[in-house]
């Protein structure tokens, strides 16, 4: 992480677990001793509407990320690139859930998390697949997959088969090849 901190935008639609991913990353930052700010917009989240979350790790005074200032964007629905891609700064990283055009360059990756979630029999686990994928591939992000894995294990330990499925989705994301 840079000395100034890190700014990440997480975008998707209601039902994709955007807020859950934001909380997990915020908890990882706190456990690492970093100050953290979050903000989210989720007005129509329960009806499948757009959800966007801002995560700032480091010494910031405002929770909102200005356009062109995000170090990274994690986009759970490809259509949201048009809505929230403008937050990404030049040279920042992006990971997009997208079924076509496999790409994984230095700063831009796509993965077919929808297909992976369906193959796991857990279509609502796109968020954890994407989280695992970005943590396994982005050296710029402030935390590692192992720290998030421990947080997920603790949070999901009493969830039985649902918790096991969530952890399996996270692991699948960690192991996924670009656009798997």
N, C-alpha and C. Protein backbone atom coordinates (compact mmCIF):
# COMPACT_ATOMS: atom_id res chain seq x y z
N UNK A 1 0.85 -1.17 0.00
CA UNK A 1 0.00 0.00 0.00
C UNK A 1 0.89 1.23 0.00
N UNK A 2 0.49 2.24 -0.74
CA UNK A 2 1.27 3.47 -0.77
C UNK A 2 1.17 4.17 0.57
N UNK A 3 2.08 5.09 0.82
CA UNK A 3 2.08 5.82 2.08
C UNK A 3 0.84 6.70 2.24
N UNK A 4 0.22 7.08 1.14
CA UNK A 4 -0.98 7.91 1.23
C UNK A 4 -2.24 7.09 1.43
N UNK A 5 -2.20 5.81 1.24
CA UNK A 5 -3.37 4.96 1.41
C UNK A 5 -3.86 4.37 0.11
N UNK A 6 -5.06 3.83 0.18
CA UNK A 6 -5.62 3.17 -0.99
C UNK A 6 -7.11 3.44 -1.07
N UNK A 7 -7.58 3.65 -2.30
CA UNK A 7 -8.98 3.93 -2.55
C UNK A 7 -9.53 2.90 -3.54
N UNK A 8 -10.62 2.24 -3.15
CA UNK A 8 -11.19 1.18 -3.98
C UNK A 8 -12.69 1.40 -4.13
N UNK A 9 -13.16 1.28 -5.36
CA UNK A 9 -14.60 1.33 -5.64
C UNK A 9 -15.06 -0.09 -5.95
N UNK A 10 -16.17 -0.49 -5.33
CA UNK A 10 -16.76 -1.80 -5.55
C UNK A 10 -18.16 -1.55 -6.10
N UNK A 11 -18.45 -2.12 -7.27
CA UNK A 11 -19.69 -1.81 -7.97
C UNK A 11 -20.40 -3.08 -8.41
N UNK A 12 -21.72 -3.03 -8.37
CA UNK A 12 -22.53 -4.15 -8.84
C UNK A 12 -23.99 -3.80 -8.76
N UNK A 13 -24.81 -4.82 -8.58
CA UNK A 13 -26.25 -4.61 -8.43
C UNK A 13 -26.70 -5.29 -7.15
N UNK A 14 -27.89 -4.90 -6.70
CA UNK A 14 -28.45 -5.47 -5.48
C UNK A 14 -28.49 -6.98 -5.54
N UNK A 15 -28.12 -7.59 -4.43
CA UNK A 15 -28.10 -9.05 -4.37
C UNK A 15 -26.73 -9.65 -4.65
N UNK A 16 -25.75 -8.83 -5.04
CA UNK A 16 -24.41 -9.35 -5.35
C UNK A 16 -23.45 -9.28 -4.17
N UNK A 17 -23.88 -8.78 -3.04
CA UNK A 17 -23.02 -8.77 -1.87
C UNK A 17 -21.94 -7.71 -1.88
N UNK A 18 -22.21 -6.58 -2.50
CA UNK A 18 -21.23 -5.49 -2.56
C UNK A 18 -20.89 -5.00 -1.15
N UNK A 19 -21.91 -4.81 -0.33
CA UNK A 19 -21.69 -4.29 1.02
C UNK A 19 -20.95 -5.30 1.88
N UNK A 20 -21.22 -6.59 1.68
CA UNK A 20 -20.52 -7.63 2.43
C UNK A 20 -19.03 -7.61 2.10
N UNK A 21 -18.69 -7.52 0.83
CA UNK A 21 -17.29 -7.46 0.42
C UNK A 21 -16.62 -6.22 1.01
N UNK A 22 -17.31 -5.10 0.99
CA UNK A 22 -16.76 -3.88 1.56
C UNK A 22 -16.49 -4.05 3.05
N UNK A 23 -17.41 -4.66 3.77
CA UNK A 23 -17.22 -4.88 5.22
C UNK A 23 -16.05 -5.82 5.49
N UNK A 24 -15.91 -6.85 4.68
CA UNK A 24 -14.80 -7.80 4.86
C UNK A 24 -13.46 -7.09 4.64
N UNK A 25 -13.38 -6.30 3.57
CA UNK A 25 -12.14 -5.57 3.30
C UNK A 25 -11.86 -4.52 4.39
N UNK A 26 -12.91 -3.86 4.87
CA UNK A 26 -12.73 -2.88 5.95
C UNK A 26 -12.21 -3.57 7.21
N UNK A 27 -12.75 -4.73 7.52
CA UNK A 27 -12.29 -5.47 8.68
C UNK A 27 -10.83 -5.90 8.52
N UNK A 28 -10.45 -6.31 7.33
CA UNK A 28 -9.06 -6.67 7.07
C UNK A 28 -8.14 -5.47 7.27
N UNK A 29 -8.58 -4.29 6.84
CA UNK A 29 -7.78 -3.08 7.02
C UNK A 29 -7.62 -2.76 8.51
N UNK A 30 -8.71 -2.84 9.25
CA UNK A 30 -8.67 -2.54 10.69
C UNK A 30 -7.75 -3.52 11.40
N UNK A 31 -7.85 -4.80 11.06
CA UNK A 31 -6.98 -5.80 11.69
C UNK A 31 -5.51 -5.57 11.37
N UNK A 32 -5.24 -4.92 10.23
CA UNK A 32 -3.86 -4.60 9.87
C UNK A 32 -3.39 -3.28 10.48
N UNK A 33 -4.27 -2.62 11.21
CA UNK A 33 -3.90 -1.38 11.87
C UNK A 33 -4.09 -0.13 11.04
N UNK A 34 -4.79 -0.24 9.92
CA UNK A 34 -5.01 0.91 9.05
C UNK A 34 -6.33 1.60 9.41
N UNK A 35 -6.36 2.92 9.34
CA UNK A 35 -7.65 3.59 9.44
C UNK A 35 -8.45 3.32 8.17
N UNK A 36 -9.77 3.29 8.28
CA UNK A 36 -10.61 2.96 7.13
C UNK A 36 -11.89 3.78 7.15
N UNK A 37 -12.31 4.19 5.97
CA UNK A 37 -13.59 4.88 5.77
C UNK A 37 -14.34 4.15 4.66
N UNK A 38 -15.66 4.03 4.83
CA UNK A 38 -16.48 3.44 3.78
C UNK A 38 -17.72 4.29 3.56
N UNK A 39 -18.24 4.18 2.37
CA UNK A 39 -19.50 4.83 2.03
C UNK A 39 -20.15 4.01 0.94
N UNK A 40 -21.46 3.94 0.95
CA UNK A 40 -22.13 3.19 -0.10
C UNK A 40 -23.43 3.85 -0.51
N UNK A 41 -23.80 3.56 -1.73
CA UNK A 41 -25.07 3.99 -2.28
C UNK A 41 -25.81 2.72 -2.67
N UNK A 42 -26.97 2.52 -2.06
CA UNK A 42 -27.69 1.27 -2.32
C UNK A 42 -29.19 1.45 -2.26
N UNK A 43 -29.69 2.54 -2.78
CA UNK A 43 -31.11 2.84 -2.73
C UNK A 43 -32.02 1.75 -3.27
N UNK A 44 -31.70 1.20 -4.41
CA UNK A 44 -32.56 0.18 -5.03
C UNK A 44 -31.94 -1.22 -4.93
N UNK A 45 -31.09 -1.42 -3.96
CA UNK A 45 -30.35 -2.67 -3.86
C UNK A 45 -31.27 -3.89 -3.77
N UNK A 46 -32.37 -3.79 -3.04
CA UNK A 46 -33.24 -4.94 -2.87
C UNK A 46 -34.02 -5.26 -4.14
N UNK A 47 -34.03 -4.36 -5.08
CA UNK A 47 -34.76 -4.59 -6.32
C UNK A 47 -33.81 -4.78 -7.51
N UNK A 48 -32.58 -5.15 -7.24
CA UNK A 48 -31.63 -5.40 -8.31
C UNK A 48 -31.02 -4.15 -8.90
N UNK A 49 -31.15 -3.02 -8.21
CA UNK A 49 -30.61 -1.76 -8.70
C UNK A 49 -29.11 -1.65 -8.44
N UNK A 50 -28.53 -0.59 -8.94
CA UNK A 50 -27.10 -0.36 -8.83
C UNK A 50 -26.68 -0.11 -7.38
N UNK A 51 -25.55 -0.71 -7.02
CA UNK A 51 -24.95 -0.52 -5.70
C UNK A 51 -23.48 -0.17 -5.94
N UNK A 52 -23.01 0.88 -5.29
CA UNK A 52 -21.60 1.24 -5.38
C UNK A 52 -21.10 1.54 -3.97
N UNK A 53 -19.91 1.07 -3.69
CA UNK A 53 -19.30 1.24 -2.39
C UNK A 53 -17.92 1.85 -2.56
N UNK A 54 -17.59 2.77 -1.68
CA UNK A 54 -16.27 3.39 -1.66
C UNK A 54 -15.55 2.91 -0.41
N UNK A 55 -14.31 2.49 -0.57
CA UNK A 55 -13.49 2.03 0.54
C UNK A 55 -12.17 2.80 0.50
N UNK A 56 -11.88 3.49 1.59
CA UNK A 56 -10.61 4.21 1.69
C UNK A 56 -9.84 3.65 2.88
N UNK A 57 -8.63 3.20 2.60
CA UNK A 57 -7.76 2.64 3.62
C UNK A 57 -6.57 3.56 3.75
N UNK A 58 -6.40 4.13 4.92
CA UNK A 58 -5.32 5.09 5.15
C UNK A 58 -5.88 6.35 5.79
N UNK A 59 -5.09 7.37 5.82
CA UNK A 59 -5.48 8.61 6.50
C UNK A 59 -6.21 9.55 5.54
N UNK A 60 -7.50 9.35 5.43
CA UNK A 60 -8.35 10.19 4.60
C UNK A 60 -9.34 10.92 5.49
N UNK A 61 -9.88 12.02 4.99
CA UNK A 61 -10.85 12.78 5.78
C UNK A 61 -12.27 12.65 5.27
N UNK A 62 -12.45 12.14 4.06
CA UNK A 62 -13.78 11.99 3.48
C UNK A 62 -13.92 10.57 2.94
N UNK A 63 -15.10 9.96 3.10
CA UNK A 63 -15.26 8.59 2.63
C UNK A 63 -15.49 8.45 1.12
N UNK A 64 -15.80 9.54 0.45
CA UNK A 64 -16.10 9.45 -0.98
C UNK A 64 -14.84 9.56 -1.84
N UNK A 65 -14.81 8.78 -2.89
CA UNK A 65 -13.69 8.78 -3.83
C UNK A 65 -14.07 9.67 -5.00
N UNK A 66 -13.19 10.57 -5.35
CA UNK A 66 -13.44 11.46 -6.48
C UNK A 66 -13.14 10.75 -7.79
N UNK A 67 -13.80 11.18 -8.86
CA UNK A 67 -13.53 10.60 -10.18
C UNK A 67 -12.03 10.65 -10.51
N UNK A 68 -11.52 9.57 -11.07
CA UNK A 68 -10.13 9.50 -11.48
C UNK A 68 -9.15 9.31 -10.34
N UNK A 69 -9.63 8.95 -9.14
CA UNK A 69 -8.75 8.85 -7.98
C UNK A 69 -8.68 7.44 -7.38
N UNK A 70 -9.51 6.51 -7.83
CA UNK A 70 -9.50 5.16 -7.26
C UNK A 70 -8.26 4.39 -7.70
N UNK A 71 -7.61 3.77 -6.75
CA UNK A 71 -6.47 2.92 -7.06
C UNK A 71 -6.93 1.64 -7.75
N UNK A 72 -8.16 1.22 -7.43
CA UNK A 72 -8.70 0.01 -8.03
C UNK A 72 -10.21 0.02 -8.05
N UNK A 73 -10.77 -0.72 -9.00
CA UNK A 73 -12.22 -0.92 -9.05
C UNK A 73 -12.48 -2.42 -9.18
N UNK A 74 -13.46 -2.87 -8.41
CA UNK A 74 -13.90 -4.25 -8.45
C UNK A 74 -15.35 -4.20 -8.91
N UNK A 75 -15.60 -4.68 -10.13
CA UNK A 75 -16.92 -4.51 -10.74
C UNK A 75 -17.57 -5.88 -10.95
N UNK A 76 -18.67 -6.10 -10.22
CA UNK A 76 -19.35 -7.39 -10.20
C UNK A 76 -20.27 -7.61 -11.40
N UNK A 77 -20.59 -6.56 -12.12
CA UNK A 77 -21.48 -6.67 -13.29
C UNK A 77 -20.87 -5.79 -14.38
N UNK A 78 -20.52 -6.39 -15.50
CA UNK A 78 -19.78 -5.70 -16.57
C UNK A 78 -20.43 -4.39 -17.00
N UNK A 79 -21.75 -4.35 -17.00
CA UNK A 79 -22.44 -3.12 -17.42
C UNK A 79 -22.10 -1.93 -16.53
N UNK A 80 -21.65 -2.20 -15.31
CA UNK A 80 -21.32 -1.11 -14.38
C UNK A 80 -19.99 -0.44 -14.67
N UNK A 81 -19.22 -0.99 -15.60
CA UNK A 81 -17.98 -0.31 -16.00
C UNK A 81 -18.33 1.08 -16.52
N UNK A 82 -19.40 1.17 -17.32
CA UNK A 82 -19.83 2.46 -17.86
C UNK A 82 -20.30 3.40 -16.75
N UNK A 83 -20.85 2.86 -15.69
CA UNK A 83 -21.37 3.68 -14.60
C UNK A 83 -20.30 4.14 -13.63
N UNK A 84 -19.33 3.26 -13.34
CA UNK A 84 -18.37 3.57 -12.28
C UNK A 84 -16.91 3.45 -12.67
N UNK A 85 -16.63 3.09 -13.90
CA UNK A 85 -15.24 2.97 -14.34
C UNK A 85 -14.48 4.29 -14.30
N UNK A 86 -15.21 5.40 -14.37
CA UNK A 86 -14.55 6.71 -14.37
C UNK A 86 -13.88 7.04 -13.04
N UNK A 87 -14.15 6.27 -12.01
CA UNK A 87 -13.48 6.50 -10.72
C UNK A 87 -12.00 6.09 -10.78
N UNK A 88 -11.66 5.16 -11.68
CA UNK A 88 -10.31 4.61 -11.74
C UNK A 88 -9.30 5.64 -12.21
N UNK A 89 -8.20 5.73 -11.48
CA UNK A 89 -7.15 6.65 -11.88
C UNK A 89 -6.30 6.02 -12.98
N UNK A 90 -5.61 6.81 -13.76
CA UNK A 90 -4.71 6.25 -14.78
C UNK A 90 -3.68 5.33 -14.11
N UNK A 91 -3.53 4.14 -14.64
CA UNK A 91 -2.59 3.18 -14.07
C UNK A 91 -3.16 2.36 -12.93
N UNK A 92 -4.41 2.63 -12.53
CA UNK A 92 -5.05 1.85 -11.48
C UNK A 92 -5.42 0.47 -11.99
N UNK A 93 -5.81 -0.42 -11.08
CA UNK A 93 -6.17 -1.78 -11.47
C UNK A 93 -7.69 -1.94 -11.49
N UNK A 94 -8.15 -2.87 -12.33
CA UNK A 94 -9.57 -3.19 -12.37
C UNK A 94 -9.75 -4.69 -12.54
N UNK A 95 -10.79 -5.20 -11.89
CA UNK A 95 -11.20 -6.59 -12.07
C UNK A 95 -12.69 -6.54 -12.35
N UNK A 96 -13.09 -7.12 -13.49
CA UNK A 96 -14.48 -7.05 -13.94
C UNK A 96 -15.02 -8.45 -14.16
N UNK A 97 -16.22 -8.70 -13.65
CA UNK A 97 -16.93 -9.95 -13.91
C UNK A 97 -17.51 -9.84 -15.31
N UNK A 98 -16.92 -10.60 -16.23
CA UNK A 98 -17.29 -10.47 -17.63
C UNK A 98 -17.07 -11.79 -18.34
N UNK A 99 -18.06 -12.28 -19.07
CA UNK A 99 -17.92 -13.59 -19.70
C UNK A 99 -17.14 -13.62 -21.00
N UNK A 100 -16.77 -12.49 -21.55
CA UNK A 100 -16.10 -12.51 -22.86
C UNK A 100 -14.74 -11.82 -22.81
N UNK A 101 -14.01 -11.95 -23.87
CA UNK A 101 -12.71 -11.29 -24.05
C UNK A 101 -11.78 -11.48 -22.85
N UNK A 102 -11.25 -12.70 -22.66
CA UNK A 102 -10.35 -12.91 -21.53
C UNK A 102 -9.16 -11.97 -21.57
N UNK A 103 -8.96 -11.32 -20.46
CA UNK A 103 -7.87 -10.35 -20.34
C UNK A 103 -7.27 -10.47 -18.95
N UNK A 104 -5.99 -10.42 -18.85
CA UNK A 104 -5.35 -10.20 -17.56
C UNK A 104 -3.98 -9.61 -17.84
N UNK A 105 -3.98 -8.30 -17.87
CA UNK A 105 -2.74 -7.56 -18.05
C UNK A 105 -2.32 -7.06 -16.68
N UNK A 106 -1.35 -6.19 -16.64
CA UNK A 106 -0.85 -5.68 -15.37
C UNK A 106 -1.95 -5.05 -14.52
N UNK A 107 -2.82 -4.28 -15.13
CA UNK A 107 -3.78 -3.52 -14.34
C UNK A 107 -5.23 -3.85 -14.64
N UNK A 108 -5.48 -4.75 -15.56
CA UNK A 108 -6.87 -5.02 -15.96
C UNK A 108 -7.09 -6.52 -16.10
N UNK A 109 -8.07 -7.05 -15.36
CA UNK A 109 -8.40 -8.46 -15.45
C UNK A 109 -9.91 -8.62 -15.60
N UNK A 110 -10.30 -9.66 -16.29
CA UNK A 110 -11.70 -10.07 -16.33
C UNK A 110 -11.76 -11.52 -15.90
N UNK A 111 -12.87 -11.87 -15.30
CA UNK A 111 -13.12 -13.25 -14.89
C UNK A 111 -14.62 -13.49 -15.03
N UNK A 112 -14.98 -14.69 -15.44
CA UNK A 112 -16.39 -15.04 -15.59
C UNK A 112 -16.89 -15.63 -14.27
N UNK A 113 -17.08 -14.76 -13.29
CA UNK A 113 -17.50 -15.19 -11.96
C UNK A 113 -18.92 -15.72 -11.96
N UNK A 114 -19.77 -15.23 -12.85
CA UNK A 114 -21.14 -15.75 -12.93
C UNK A 114 -21.13 -17.24 -13.30
N UNK A 115 -20.33 -17.58 -14.29
CA UNK A 115 -20.24 -18.98 -14.72
C UNK A 115 -19.63 -19.84 -13.62
N UNK A 116 -18.60 -19.33 -12.96
CA UNK A 116 -17.96 -20.08 -11.88
C UNK A 116 -18.93 -20.32 -10.72
N UNK A 117 -19.69 -19.30 -10.37
CA UNK A 117 -20.66 -19.42 -9.27
C UNK A 117 -21.73 -20.46 -9.62
N UNK A 118 -22.19 -20.44 -10.87
CA UNK A 118 -23.19 -21.42 -11.30
C UNK A 118 -22.61 -22.83 -11.26
N UNK A 119 -21.36 -22.98 -11.68
CA UNK A 119 -20.72 -24.30 -11.66
C UNK A 119 -20.56 -24.83 -10.24
N UNK A 120 -20.39 -23.92 -9.28
CA UNK A 120 -20.28 -24.31 -7.87
C UNK A 120 -21.65 -24.60 -7.26
N UNK A 121 -22.72 -24.31 -8.00
CA UNK A 121 -24.06 -24.48 -7.46
C UNK A 121 -24.42 -23.39 -6.47
N UNK A 122 -23.75 -22.26 -6.59
CA UNK A 122 -23.92 -21.16 -5.65
C UNK A 122 -23.95 -19.84 -6.40
N UNK A 123 -25.03 -19.58 -7.15
CA UNK A 123 -25.06 -18.40 -8.02
C UNK A 123 -24.94 -17.06 -7.29
N UNK A 124 -25.17 -17.05 -5.99
CA UNK A 124 -25.05 -15.79 -5.24
C UNK A 124 -23.65 -15.57 -4.69
N UNK A 125 -22.69 -16.38 -5.08
CA UNK A 125 -21.34 -16.26 -4.54
C UNK A 125 -20.38 -15.50 -5.46
N UNK A 126 -20.91 -14.79 -6.43
CA UNK A 126 -20.07 -14.01 -7.36
C UNK A 126 -19.15 -13.07 -6.58
N UNK A 127 -19.67 -12.43 -5.54
CA UNK A 127 -18.87 -11.48 -4.79
C UNK A 127 -17.63 -12.12 -4.18
N UNK A 128 -17.77 -13.31 -3.62
CA UNK A 128 -16.62 -13.96 -2.98
C UNK A 128 -15.64 -14.51 -4.00
N UNK A 129 -16.14 -14.93 -5.14
CA UNK A 129 -15.25 -15.35 -6.23
C UNK A 129 -14.41 -14.15 -6.68
N UNK A 130 -15.08 -13.02 -6.89
CA UNK A 130 -14.37 -11.81 -7.32
C UNK A 130 -13.37 -11.34 -6.26
N UNK A 131 -13.76 -11.40 -4.99
CA UNK A 131 -12.86 -10.99 -3.92
C UNK A 131 -11.61 -11.88 -3.90
N UNK A 132 -11.81 -13.19 -3.97
CA UNK A 132 -10.66 -14.10 -4.01
C UNK A 132 -9.77 -13.85 -5.21
N UNK A 133 -10.40 -13.62 -6.35
CA UNK A 133 -9.65 -13.37 -7.58
C UNK A 133 -8.77 -12.13 -7.45
N UNK A 134 -9.34 -11.03 -6.97
CA UNK A 134 -8.56 -9.79 -6.87
C UNK A 134 -7.45 -9.91 -5.83
N UNK A 135 -7.72 -10.57 -4.72
CA UNK A 135 -6.68 -10.71 -3.69
C UNK A 135 -5.53 -11.59 -4.15
N UNK A 136 -5.83 -12.57 -4.98
CA UNK A 136 -4.77 -13.47 -5.47
C UNK A 136 -3.94 -12.83 -6.58
N UNK A 137 -4.46 -11.79 -7.23
CA UNK A 137 -3.78 -11.24 -8.40
C UNK A 137 -3.32 -9.80 -8.30
N UNK A 138 -3.74 -9.09 -7.30
CA UNK A 138 -3.39 -7.67 -7.24
C UNK A 138 -2.40 -7.40 -6.12
N UNK A 139 -1.12 -7.32 -6.45
CA UNK A 139 -0.14 -7.05 -5.41
C UNK A 139 -0.28 -5.65 -4.81
N UNK A 140 -1.03 -4.80 -5.48
CA UNK A 140 -1.19 -3.43 -5.00
C UNK A 140 -2.19 -3.31 -3.87
N UNK A 141 -3.05 -4.29 -3.69
CA UNK A 141 -4.10 -4.18 -2.68
C UNK A 141 -3.51 -4.33 -1.28
N UNK A 142 -4.10 -3.66 -0.32
CA UNK A 142 -3.55 -3.51 1.02
C UNK A 142 -3.55 -4.78 1.87
N UNK A 143 -4.29 -5.82 1.47
CA UNK A 143 -4.33 -7.04 2.28
C UNK A 143 -4.15 -8.27 1.38
N UNK A 144 -3.90 -9.38 2.00
CA UNK A 144 -3.68 -10.62 1.28
C UNK A 144 -4.87 -11.57 1.47
N UNK A 145 -4.95 -12.56 0.62
CA UNK A 145 -6.04 -13.52 0.67
C UNK A 145 -6.09 -14.25 2.01
N UNK A 146 -4.95 -14.56 2.58
CA UNK A 146 -4.93 -15.31 3.85
C UNK A 146 -5.63 -14.55 4.97
N UNK A 147 -5.42 -13.26 5.05
CA UNK A 147 -6.07 -12.45 6.09
C UNK A 147 -7.59 -12.45 5.89
N UNK A 148 -8.03 -12.31 4.67
CA UNK A 148 -9.47 -12.31 4.38
C UNK A 148 -10.06 -13.70 4.60
N UNK A 149 -9.32 -14.73 4.27
CA UNK A 149 -9.77 -16.11 4.50
C UNK A 149 -10.06 -16.32 5.99
N UNK A 150 -9.18 -15.85 6.86
CA UNK A 150 -9.39 -16.00 8.31
C UNK A 150 -10.64 -15.24 8.77
N UNK A 151 -10.86 -14.06 8.22
CA UNK A 151 -12.05 -13.27 8.57
C UNK A 151 -13.30 -14.02 8.12
N UNK A 152 -13.30 -14.52 6.89
CA UNK A 152 -14.45 -15.26 6.38
C UNK A 152 -14.71 -16.52 7.21
N UNK A 153 -13.67 -17.25 7.55
CA UNK A 153 -13.85 -18.46 8.35
C UNK A 153 -14.50 -18.14 9.68
N UNK A 154 -14.05 -17.07 10.32
CA UNK A 154 -14.62 -16.68 11.60
C UNK A 154 -16.07 -16.25 11.46
N UNK A 155 -16.35 -15.44 10.44
CA UNK A 155 -17.72 -14.94 10.24
C UNK A 155 -18.70 -16.03 9.80
N UNK A 156 -18.20 -17.03 9.09
CA UNK A 156 -19.08 -18.03 8.50
C UNK A 156 -19.09 -19.37 9.25
N UNK A 157 -18.35 -19.47 10.34
CA UNK A 157 -18.18 -20.77 11.01
C UNK A 157 -19.49 -21.40 11.47
N UNK A 158 -20.49 -20.61 11.77
CA UNK A 158 -21.76 -21.15 12.26
C UNK A 158 -22.82 -21.22 11.17
N UNK A 159 -22.42 -21.05 9.91
CA UNK A 159 -23.37 -21.04 8.80
C UNK A 159 -23.55 -22.40 8.13
N UNK A 160 -22.88 -23.41 8.62
CA UNK A 160 -23.05 -24.77 8.09
C UNK A 160 -22.67 -24.88 6.62
N UNK A 161 -23.53 -25.52 5.83
CA UNK A 161 -23.23 -25.75 4.42
C UNK A 161 -23.17 -24.45 3.63
N UNK A 162 -23.95 -23.46 4.06
CA UNK A 162 -23.91 -22.17 3.37
C UNK A 162 -22.55 -21.49 3.57
N UNK A 163 -22.02 -21.58 4.77
CA UNK A 163 -20.70 -21.02 5.04
C UNK A 163 -19.61 -21.76 4.28
N UNK A 164 -19.72 -23.09 4.22
CA UNK A 164 -18.75 -23.89 3.48
C UNK A 164 -18.79 -23.53 1.99
N UNK A 165 -19.99 -23.32 1.46
CA UNK A 165 -20.12 -22.94 0.05
C UNK A 165 -19.50 -21.56 -0.20
N UNK A 166 -19.68 -20.65 0.74
CA UNK A 166 -19.09 -19.32 0.60
C UNK A 166 -17.57 -19.39 0.60
N UNK A 167 -17.01 -20.17 1.50
CA UNK A 167 -15.55 -20.33 1.53
C UNK A 167 -15.04 -21.02 0.27
N UNK A 168 -15.79 -21.98 -0.24
CA UNK A 168 -15.40 -22.65 -1.48
C UNK A 168 -15.39 -21.66 -2.64
N UNK A 169 -16.34 -20.74 -2.66
CA UNK A 169 -16.39 -19.72 -3.71
C UNK A 169 -15.18 -18.81 -3.61
N UNK A 170 -14.83 -18.39 -2.40
CA UNK A 170 -13.65 -17.54 -2.21
C UNK A 170 -12.39 -18.26 -2.71
N UNK A 171 -12.25 -19.55 -2.34
CA UNK A 171 -11.09 -20.32 -2.78
C UNK A 171 -11.05 -20.49 -4.29
N UNK A 172 -12.23 -20.70 -4.89
CA UNK A 172 -12.30 -20.82 -6.35
C UNK A 172 -11.82 -19.54 -7.01
N UNK A 173 -12.20 -18.40 -6.45
CA UNK A 173 -11.72 -17.11 -6.97
C UNK A 173 -10.22 -16.97 -6.84
N UNK A 174 -9.68 -17.40 -5.70
CA UNK A 174 -8.23 -17.32 -5.49
C UNK A 174 -7.47 -18.16 -6.52
N UNK A 175 -8.05 -19.30 -6.93
CA UNK A 175 -7.39 -20.21 -7.85
C UNK A 175 -7.72 -19.97 -9.32
N UNK A 176 -8.69 -19.11 -9.59
CA UNK A 176 -9.18 -18.93 -10.97
C UNK A 176 -8.14 -18.32 -11.89
N UNK A 177 -8.16 -18.78 -13.10
CA UNK A 177 -7.38 -18.14 -14.16
C UNK A 177 -8.24 -17.02 -14.74
N UNK A 178 -7.64 -16.02 -15.38
CA UNK A 178 -8.43 -14.95 -16.00
C UNK A 178 -9.48 -15.53 -16.93
N UNK A 179 -10.66 -15.04 -16.76
CA UNK A 179 -11.85 -15.44 -17.53
C UNK A 179 -12.05 -16.94 -17.56
N UNK A 180 -11.87 -17.55 -16.41
CA UNK A 180 -12.09 -19.00 -16.28
C UNK A 180 -13.55 -19.31 -16.46
